[in-house]
Amino acid sequence: MAQVPKALPFSEDFVVVASGVVEISLGLGLLLLRRQRVPIGLIAATFFVAVFLGNISQYLNGASAFGLDTDTKRFAR
């Protein structure tokens, strides 16, 4: 939840659960829908870039979680 940007209009719990559902769905899609791997892969790549913005938010807001309790550790992540 520390990585969820405060600017999102959804609760942190919803964002965490929804992103988990999307991640699992994309993984299953890559495993089970072999003919659709390229488009699913592109969607997954886009999703993970969007999720990476949470890491940037965590650094900019100085939110500690997962042992990331200094700016140096948050930046390195």
PDB file of N, CA and C in Angstrom:
ATOM      1  N   MET A   1       0.812  -1.189   0.000  1.00  0.00           N
ATOM      2  CA  MET A   1       0.000   0.000   0.000  1.00  0.00           C
ATOM      3  C   MET A   1       0.862   1.261   0.000  1.00  0.00           C
ATOM      4  N   ALA A   2       2.106   1.102   0.424  1.00  0.00           N
ATOM      5  CA  ALA A   2       2.992   2.265   0.456  1.00  0.00           C
ATOM      6  C   ALA A   2       3.289   2.775  -0.953  1.00  0.00           C
ATOM      7  N   GLN A   3       3.133   1.922  -1.944  1.00  0.00           N
ATOM      8  CA  GLN A   3       3.447   2.316  -3.315  1.00  0.00           C
ATOM      9  C   GLN A   3       2.267   2.916  -4.052  1.00  0.00           C
ATOM     10  N   VAL A   4       1.091   2.875  -3.475  1.00  0.00           N
ATOM     11  CA  VAL A   4      -0.094   3.404  -4.153  1.00  0.00           C
ATOM     12  C   VAL A   4      -0.053   4.926  -4.083  1.00  0.00           C
ATOM     13  N   PRO A   5      -0.001   5.583  -5.246  1.00  0.00           N
ATOM     14  CA  PRO A   5       0.038   7.053  -5.244  1.00  0.00           C
ATOM     15  C   PRO A   5      -1.217   7.641  -4.593  1.00  0.00           C
ATOM     16  N   LYS A   6      -1.005   8.662  -3.797  1.00  0.00           N
ATOM     17  CA  LYS A   6      -2.115   9.313  -3.087  1.00  0.00           C
ATOM     18  C   LYS A   6      -3.097   9.974  -4.053  1.00  0.00           C
ATOM     19  N   ALA A   7      -2.656  10.292  -5.256  1.00  0.00           N
ATOM     20  CA  ALA A   7      -3.486  11.008  -6.222  1.00  0.00           C
ATOM     21  C   ALA A   7      -4.569  10.127  -6.849  1.00  0.00           C
ATOM     22  N   LEU A   8      -4.464   8.817  -6.692  1.00  0.00           N
ATOM     23  CA  LEU A   8      -5.481   7.938  -7.278  1.00  0.00           C
ATOM     24  C   LEU A   8      -6.802   8.099  -6.535  1.00  0.00           C
ATOM     25  N   PRO A   9      -7.909   8.094  -7.271  1.00  0.00           N
ATOM     26  CA  PRO A   9      -9.208   8.310  -6.632  1.00  0.00           C
ATOM     27  C   PRO A   9      -9.826   7.048  -6.025  1.00  0.00           C
ATOM     28  N   PHE A  10      -9.017   6.020  -5.806  1.00  0.00           N
ATOM     29  CA  PHE A  10      -9.499   4.753  -5.252  1.00  0.00           C
ATOM     30  C   PHE A  10      -8.810   4.485  -3.925  1.00  0.00           C
ATOM     31  N   SER A  11      -9.410   3.619  -3.103  1.00  0.00           N
ATOM     32  CA  SER A  11      -8.769   3.253  -1.840  1.00  0.00           C
ATOM     33  C   SER A  11      -7.516   2.431  -2.128  1.00  0.00           C
ATOM     34  N   GLU A  12      -6.562   2.502  -1.219  1.00  0.00           N
ATOM     35  CA  GLU A  12      -5.323   1.752  -1.393  1.00  0.00           C
ATOM     36  C   GLU A  12      -5.596   0.248  -1.451  1.00  0.00           C
ATOM     37  N   ASP A  13      -6.514  -0.223  -0.612  1.00  0.00           N
ATOM     38  CA  ASP A  13      -6.851  -1.652  -0.620  1.00  0.00           C
ATOM     39  C   ASP A  13      -7.381  -2.086  -1.980  1.00  0.00           C
ATOM     40  N   PHE A  14      -8.268  -1.281  -2.556  1.00  0.00           N
ATOM     41  CA  PHE A  14      -8.823  -1.620  -3.867  1.00  0.00           C
ATOM     42  C   PHE A  14      -7.728  -1.689  -4.919  1.00  0.00           C
ATOM     43  N   VAL A  15      -6.827  -0.732  -4.921  1.00  0.00           N
ATOM     44  CA  VAL A  15      -5.757  -0.690  -5.925  1.00  0.00           C
ATOM     45  C   VAL A  15      -4.857  -1.917  -5.791  1.00  0.00           C
ATOM     46  N   VAL A  16      -4.517  -2.287  -4.559  1.00  0.00           N
ATOM     47  CA  VAL A  16      -3.643  -3.441  -4.342  1.00  0.00           C
ATOM     48  C   VAL A  16      -4.333  -4.730  -4.818  1.00  0.00           C
ATOM     49  N   VAL A  17      -5.581  -4.918  -4.442  1.00  0.00           N
ATOM     50  CA  VAL A  17      -6.310  -6.130  -4.842  1.00  0.00           C
ATOM     51  C   VAL A  17      -6.523  -6.153  -6.356  1.00  0.00           C
ATOM     52  N   ALA A  18      -6.948  -5.038  -6.921  1.00  0.00           N
ATOM     53  CA  ALA A  18      -7.204  -4.975  -8.362  1.00  0.00           C
ATOM     54  C   ALA A  18      -5.925  -5.232  -9.161  1.00  0.00           C
ATOM     55  N   SER A  19      -4.805  -4.645  -8.734  1.00  0.00           N
ATOM     56  CA  SER A  19      -3.564  -4.873  -9.475  1.00  0.00           C
ATOM     57  C   SER A  19      -3.128  -6.327  -9.357  1.00  0.00           C
ATOM     58  N   GLY A  20      -3.381  -6.948  -8.210  1.00  0.00           N
ATOM     59  CA  GLY A  20      -3.065  -8.370  -8.057  1.00  0.00           C
ATOM     60  C   GLY A  20      -3.896  -9.237  -8.982  1.00  0.00           C
ATOM     61  N   VAL A  21      -5.177  -8.924  -9.091  1.00  0.00           N
ATOM     62  CA  VAL A  21      -6.056  -9.669 -10.003  1.00  0.00           C
ATOM     63  C   VAL A  21      -5.578  -9.507 -11.443  1.00  0.00           C
ATOM     64  N   VAL A  22      -5.199  -8.297 -11.815  1.00  0.00           N
ATOM     65  CA  VAL A  22      -4.709  -8.049 -13.175  1.00  0.00           C
ATOM     66  C   VAL A  22      -3.414  -8.826 -13.420  1.00  0.00           C
ATOM     67  N   GLU A  23      -2.496  -8.813 -12.462  1.00  0.00           N
ATOM     68  CA  GLU A  23      -1.235  -9.539 -12.621  1.00  0.00           C
ATOM     69  C   GLU A  23      -1.480 -11.036 -12.814  1.00  0.00           C
ATOM     70  N   ILE A  24      -2.329 -11.610 -11.985  1.00  0.00           N
ATOM     71  CA  ILE A  24      -2.633 -13.042 -12.102  1.00  0.00           C
ATOM     72  C   ILE A  24      -3.304 -13.335 -13.440  1.00  0.00           C
ATOM     73  N   SER A  25      -4.222 -12.478 -13.858  1.00  0.00           N
ATOM     74  CA  SER A  25      -4.918 -12.667 -15.136  1.00  0.00           C
ATOM     75  C   SER A  25      -3.946 -12.599 -16.305  1.00  0.00           C
ATOM     76  N   LEU A  26      -3.041 -11.652 -16.266  1.00  0.00           N
ATOM     77  CA  LEU A  26      -2.057 -11.536 -17.348  1.00  0.00           C
ATOM     78  C   LEU A  26      -1.142 -12.759 -17.379  1.00  0.00           C
ATOM     79  N   GLY A  27      -0.726 -13.215 -16.213  1.00  0.00           N
ATOM     80  CA  GLY A  27       0.116 -14.416 -16.154  1.00  0.00           C
ATOM     81  C   GLY A  27      -0.596 -15.637 -16.707  1.00  0.00           C
ATOM     82  N   LEU A  28      -1.852 -15.816 -16.305  1.00  0.00           N
ATOM     83  CA  LEU A  28      -2.628 -16.939 -16.838  1.00  0.00           C
ATOM     84  C   LEU A  28      -2.844 -16.803 -18.337  1.00  0.00           C
ATOM     85  N   GLY A  29      -3.084 -15.585 -18.785  1.00  0.00           N
ATOM     86  CA  GLY A  29      -3.255 -15.357 -20.215  1.00  0.00           C
ATOM     87  C   GLY A  29      -2.012 -15.743 -21.001  1.00  0.00           C
ATOM     88  N   LEU A  30      -0.844 -15.377 -20.466  1.00  0.00           N
ATOM     89  CA  LEU A  30       0.405 -15.731 -21.142  1.00  0.00           C
ATOM     90  C   LEU A  30       0.617 -17.240 -21.166  1.00  0.00           C
ATOM     91  N   LEU A  31       0.194 -17.911 -20.114  1.00  0.00           N
ATOM     92  CA  LEU A  31       0.359 -19.372 -20.052  1.00  0.00           C
ATOM     93  C   LEU A  31      -0.648 -20.127 -20.910  1.00  0.00           C
ATOM     94  N   LEU A  32      -1.888 -19.669 -20.897  1.00  0.00           N
ATOM     95  CA  LEU A  32      -2.964 -20.450 -21.495  1.00  0.00           C
ATOM     96  C   LEU A  32      -3.366 -20.022 -22.899  1.00  0.00           C
ATOM     97  N   LEU A  33      -3.144 -18.793 -23.240  1.00  0.00           N
ATOM     98  CA  LEU A  33      -3.577 -18.278 -24.552  1.00  0.00           C
ATOM     99  C   LEU A  33      -2.361 -18.074 -25.452  1.00  0.00           C
ATOM    100  N   ARG A  34      -1.786 -19.166 -25.858  1.00  0.00           N
ATOM    101  CA  ARG A  34      -0.520 -19.119 -26.604  1.00  0.00           C
ATOM    102  C   ARG A  34      -0.600 -18.298 -27.893  1.00  0.00           C
ATOM    103  N   ARG A  35      -1.721 -18.322 -28.558  1.00  0.00           N
ATOM    104  CA  ARG A  35      -1.853 -17.572 -29.810  1.00  0.00           C
ATOM    105  C   ARG A  35      -1.951 -16.070 -29.570  1.00  0.00           C
ATOM    106  N   GLN A  36      -2.221 -15.687 -28.359  1.00  0.00           N
ATOM    107  CA  GLN A  36      -2.373 -14.272 -28.020  1.00  0.00           C
ATOM    108  C   GLN A  36      -1.205 -13.747 -27.189  1.00  0.00           C
ATOM    109  N   ARG A  37      -0.097 -14.457 -27.178  1.00  0.00           N
ATOM    110  CA  ARG A  37       1.032 -14.076 -26.319  1.00  0.00           C
ATOM    111  C   ARG A  37       1.573 -12.686 -26.615  1.00  0.00           C
ATOM    112  N   VAL A  38       1.686 -12.321 -27.869  1.00  0.00           N
ATOM    113  CA  VAL A  38       2.262 -11.012 -28.193  1.00  0.00           C
ATOM    114  C   VAL A  38       1.379  -9.875 -27.676  1.00  0.00           C
ATOM    115  N   PRO A  39       0.083  -9.861 -27.992  1.00  0.00           N
ATOM    116  CA  PRO A  39      -0.726  -8.762 -27.456  1.00  0.00           C
ATOM    117  C   PRO A  39      -0.825  -8.779 -25.930  1.00  0.00           C
ATOM    118  N   ILE A  40      -0.913  -9.971 -25.343  1.00  0.00           N
ATOM    119  CA  ILE A  40      -0.968 -10.041 -23.881  1.00  0.00           C
ATOM    120  C   ILE A  40       0.361  -9.576 -23.287  1.00  0.00           C
ATOM    121  N   GLY A  41       1.444  -9.932 -23.926  1.00  0.00           N
ATOM    122  CA  GLY A  41       2.765  -9.486 -23.471  1.00  0.00           C
ATOM    123  C   GLY A  41       2.898  -7.972 -23.528  1.00  0.00           C
ATOM    124  N   LEU A  42       2.374  -7.369 -24.574  1.00  0.00           N
ATOM    125  CA  LEU A  42       2.422  -5.907 -24.682  1.00  0.00           C
ATOM    126  C   LEU A  42       1.558  -5.246 -23.607  1.00  0.00           C
ATOM    127  N   ILE A  43       0.408  -5.843 -23.344  1.00  0.00           N
ATOM    128  CA  ILE A  43      -0.450  -5.324 -22.279  1.00  0.00           C
ATOM    129  C   ILE A  43       0.249  -5.473 -20.933  1.00  0.00           C
ATOM    130  N   ALA A  44       0.890  -6.616 -20.717  1.00  0.00           N
ATOM    131  CA  ALA A  44       1.610  -6.844 -19.458  1.00  0.00           C
ATOM    132  C   ALA A  44       2.745  -5.838 -19.291  1.00  0.00           C
ATOM    133  N   ALA A  45       3.483  -5.597 -20.352  1.00  0.00           N
ATOM    134  CA  ALA A  45       4.579  -4.629 -20.277  1.00  0.00           C
ATOM    135  C   ALA A  45       4.054  -3.241 -19.928  1.00  0.00           C
ATOM    136  N   THR A  46       2.968  -2.851 -20.561  1.00  0.00           N
ATOM    137  CA  THR A  46       2.359  -1.548 -20.266  1.00  0.00           C
ATOM    138  C   THR A  46       1.889  -1.491 -18.821  1.00  0.00           C
ATOM    139  N   PHE A  47       1.260  -2.567 -18.358  1.00  0.00           N
ATOM    140  CA  PHE A  47       0.785  -2.626 -16.978  1.00  0.00           C
ATOM    141  C   PHE A  47       1.949  -2.478 -16.001  1.00  0.00           C
ATOM    142  N   PHE A  48       3.048  -3.193 -16.236  1.00  0.00           N
ATOM    143  CA  PHE A  48       4.167  -3.139 -15.305  1.00  0.00           C
ATOM    144  C   PHE A  48       4.869  -1.779 -15.325  1.00  0.00           C
ATOM    145  N   VAL A  49       4.865  -1.106 -16.446  1.00  0.00           N
ATOM    146  CA  VAL A  49       5.380   0.275 -16.470  1.00  0.00           C
ATOM    147  C   VAL A  49       4.490   1.168 -15.614  1.00  0.00           C
ATOM    148  N   ALA A  50       3.173   0.992 -15.733  1.00  0.00           N
ATOM    149  CA  ALA A  50       2.241   1.792 -14.936  1.00  0.00           C
ATOM    150  C   ALA A  50       2.418   1.496 -13.444  1.00  0.00           C
ATOM    151  N   VAL A  51       2.593   0.226 -13.101  1.00  0.00           N
ATOM    152  CA  VAL A  51       2.789  -0.139 -11.700  1.00  0.00           C
ATOM    153  C   VAL A  51       4.108   0.420 -11.175  1.00  0.00           C
ATOM    154  N   PHE A  52       5.111   0.516 -12.039  1.00  0.00           N
ATOM    155  CA  PHE A  52       6.404   1.067 -11.632  1.00  0.00           C
ATOM    156  C   PHE A  52       6.266   2.497 -11.126  1.00  0.00           C
ATOM    157  N   LEU A  53       5.260   3.201 -11.623  1.00  0.00           N
ATOM    158  CA  LEU A  53       5.031   4.562 -11.140  1.00  0.00           C
ATOM    159  C   LEU A  53       4.773   4.569  -9.630  1.00  0.00           C
ATOM    160  N   GLY A  54       4.274   3.463  -9.097  1.00  0.00           N
ATOM    161  CA  GLY A  54       4.099   3.341  -7.650  1.00  0.00           C
ATOM    162  C   GLY A  54       5.427   3.376  -6.917  1.00  0.00           C
ATOM    163  N   ASN A  55       6.462   2.785  -7.513  1.00  0.00           N
ATOM    164  CA  ASN A  55       7.793   2.841  -6.908  1.00  0.00           C
ATOM    165  C   ASN A  55       8.296   4.277  -6.875  1.00  0.00           C
ATOM    166  N   ILE A  56       8.047   5.007  -7.936  1.00  0.00           N
ATOM    167  CA  ILE A  56       8.458   6.412  -7.982  1.00  0.00           C
ATOM    168  C   ILE A  56       7.699   7.205  -6.926  1.00  0.00           C
ATOM    169  N   SER A  57       6.405   6.950  -6.804  1.00  0.00           N
ATOM    170  CA  SER A  57       5.595   7.622  -5.793  1.00  0.00           C
ATOM    171  C   SER A  57       6.114   7.318  -4.392  1.00  0.00           C
ATOM    172  N   GLN A  58       6.469   6.055  -4.148  1.00  0.00           N
ATOM    173  CA  GLN A  58       6.978   5.682  -2.836  1.00  0.00           C
ATOM    174  C   GLN A  58       8.251   6.459  -2.520  1.00  0.00           C
ATOM    175  N   TYR A  59       9.126   6.616  -3.486  1.00  0.00           N
ATOM    176  CA  TYR A  59      10.359   7.369  -3.285  1.00  0.00           C
ATOM    177  C   TYR A  59      10.062   8.848  -3.039  1.00  0.00           C
ATOM    178  N   LEU A  60       9.231   9.433  -3.897  1.00  0.00           N
ATOM    179  CA  LEU A  60       8.950  10.863  -3.778  1.00  0.00           C
ATOM    180  C   LEU A  60       8.227  11.221  -2.482  1.00  0.00           C
ATOM    181  N   ASN A  61       7.381  10.305  -1.991  1.00  0.00           N
ATOM    182  CA  ASN A  61       6.627  10.563  -0.762  1.00  0.00           C
ATOM    183  C   ASN A  61       7.338  10.073   0.495  1.00  0.00           C
ATOM    184  N   GLY A  62       8.469   9.396   0.326  1.00  0.00           N
ATOM    185  CA  GLY A  62       9.222   8.909   1.483  1.00  0.00           C
ATOM    186  C   GLY A  62       8.480   7.862   2.286  1.00  0.00           C
ATOM    187  N   ALA A  63       7.655   7.062   1.625  1.00  0.00           N
ATOM    188  CA  ALA A  63       6.873   6.038   2.312  1.00  0.00           C
ATOM    189  C   ALA A  63       7.739   4.809   2.579  1.00  0.00           C
ATOM    190  N   SER A  64       7.795   4.385   3.822  1.00  0.00           N
ATOM    191  CA  SER A  64       8.583   3.209   4.195  1.00  0.00           C
ATOM    192  C   SER A  64       7.726   1.957   4.156  1.00  0.00           C
ATOM    193  N   ALA A  65       8.250   0.923   3.546  1.00  0.00           N
ATOM    194  CA  ALA A  65       7.594  -0.387   3.502  1.00  0.00           C
ATOM    195  C   ALA A  65       8.566  -1.394   2.913  1.00  0.00           C
ATOM    196  N   PHE A  66       8.371  -2.649   3.234  1.00  0.00           N
ATOM    197  CA  PHE A  66       9.184  -3.746   2.680  1.00  0.00           C
ATOM    198  C   PHE A  66      10.675  -3.563   2.962  1.00  0.00           C
ATOM    199  N   GLY A  67      11.025  -2.953   4.094  1.00  0.00           N
ATOM    200  CA  GLY A  67      12.427  -2.718   4.417  1.00  0.00           C
ATOM    201  C   GLY A  67      13.018  -1.527   3.697  1.00  0.00           C
ATOM    202  N   LEU A  68      12.201  -0.822   2.942  1.00  0.00           N
ATOM    203  CA  LEU A  68      12.675   0.377   2.233  1.00  0.00           C
ATOM    204  C   LEU A  68      12.440   1.578   3.150  1.00  0.00           C
ATOM    205  N   ASP A  69      13.382   1.781   4.079  1.00  0.00           N
ATOM    206  CA  ASP A  69      13.182   2.797   5.096  1.00  0.00           C
ATOM    207  C   ASP A  69      14.112   4.004   4.965  1.00  0.00           C
ATOM    208  N   THR A  70      14.838   4.071   3.848  1.00  0.00           N
ATOM    209  CA  THR A  70      15.666   5.244   3.575  1.00  0.00           C
ATOM    210  C   THR A  70      15.456   5.655   2.115  1.00  0.00           C
ATOM    211  N   ASP A  71      15.748   6.911   1.827  1.00  0.00           N
ATOM    212  CA  ASP A  71      15.621   7.365   0.437  1.00  0.00           C
ATOM    213  C   ASP A  71      16.567   6.602  -0.485  1.00  0.00           C
ATOM    214  N   THR A  72      17.739   6.253   0.003  1.00  0.00           N
ATOM    215  CA  THR A  72      18.701   5.504  -0.817  1.00  0.00           C
ATOM    216  C   THR A  72      18.128   4.140  -1.211  1.00  0.00           C
ATOM    217  N   LYS A  73      17.524   3.443  -0.260  1.00  0.00           N
ATOM    218  CA  LYS A  73      16.943   2.131  -0.555  1.00  0.00           C
ATOM    219  C   LYS A  73      15.746   2.270  -1.493  1.00  0.00           C
ATOM    220  N   ARG A  74      14.908   3.285  -1.244  1.00  0.00           N
ATOM    221  CA  ARG A  74      13.741   3.474  -2.119  1.00  0.00           C
ATOM    222  C   ARG A  74      14.182   3.827  -3.530  1.00  0.00           C
ATOM    223  N   PHE A  75      15.212   4.651  -3.674  1.00  0.00           N
ATOM    224  CA  PHE A  75      15.708   5.033  -4.999  1.00  0.00           C
ATOM    225  C   PHE A  75      16.304   3.841  -5.722  1.00  0.00           C
ATOM    226  N   ALA A  76      17.051   3.018  -4.996  1.00  0.00           N
ATOM    227  CA  ALA A  76      17.688   1.844  -5.616  1.00  0.00           C
ATOM    228  C   ALA A  76      16.656   0.859  -6.136  1.00  0.00           C
ATOM    229  N   ARG A  77      15.534   0.778  -5.458  1.00  0.00           N
ATOM    230  CA  ARG A  77      14.498  -0.139  -5.902  1.00  0.00           C
ATOM    231  C   ARG A  77      13.940   0.320  -7.223  1.00  0.00           C
TER     232      ARG A  77
END
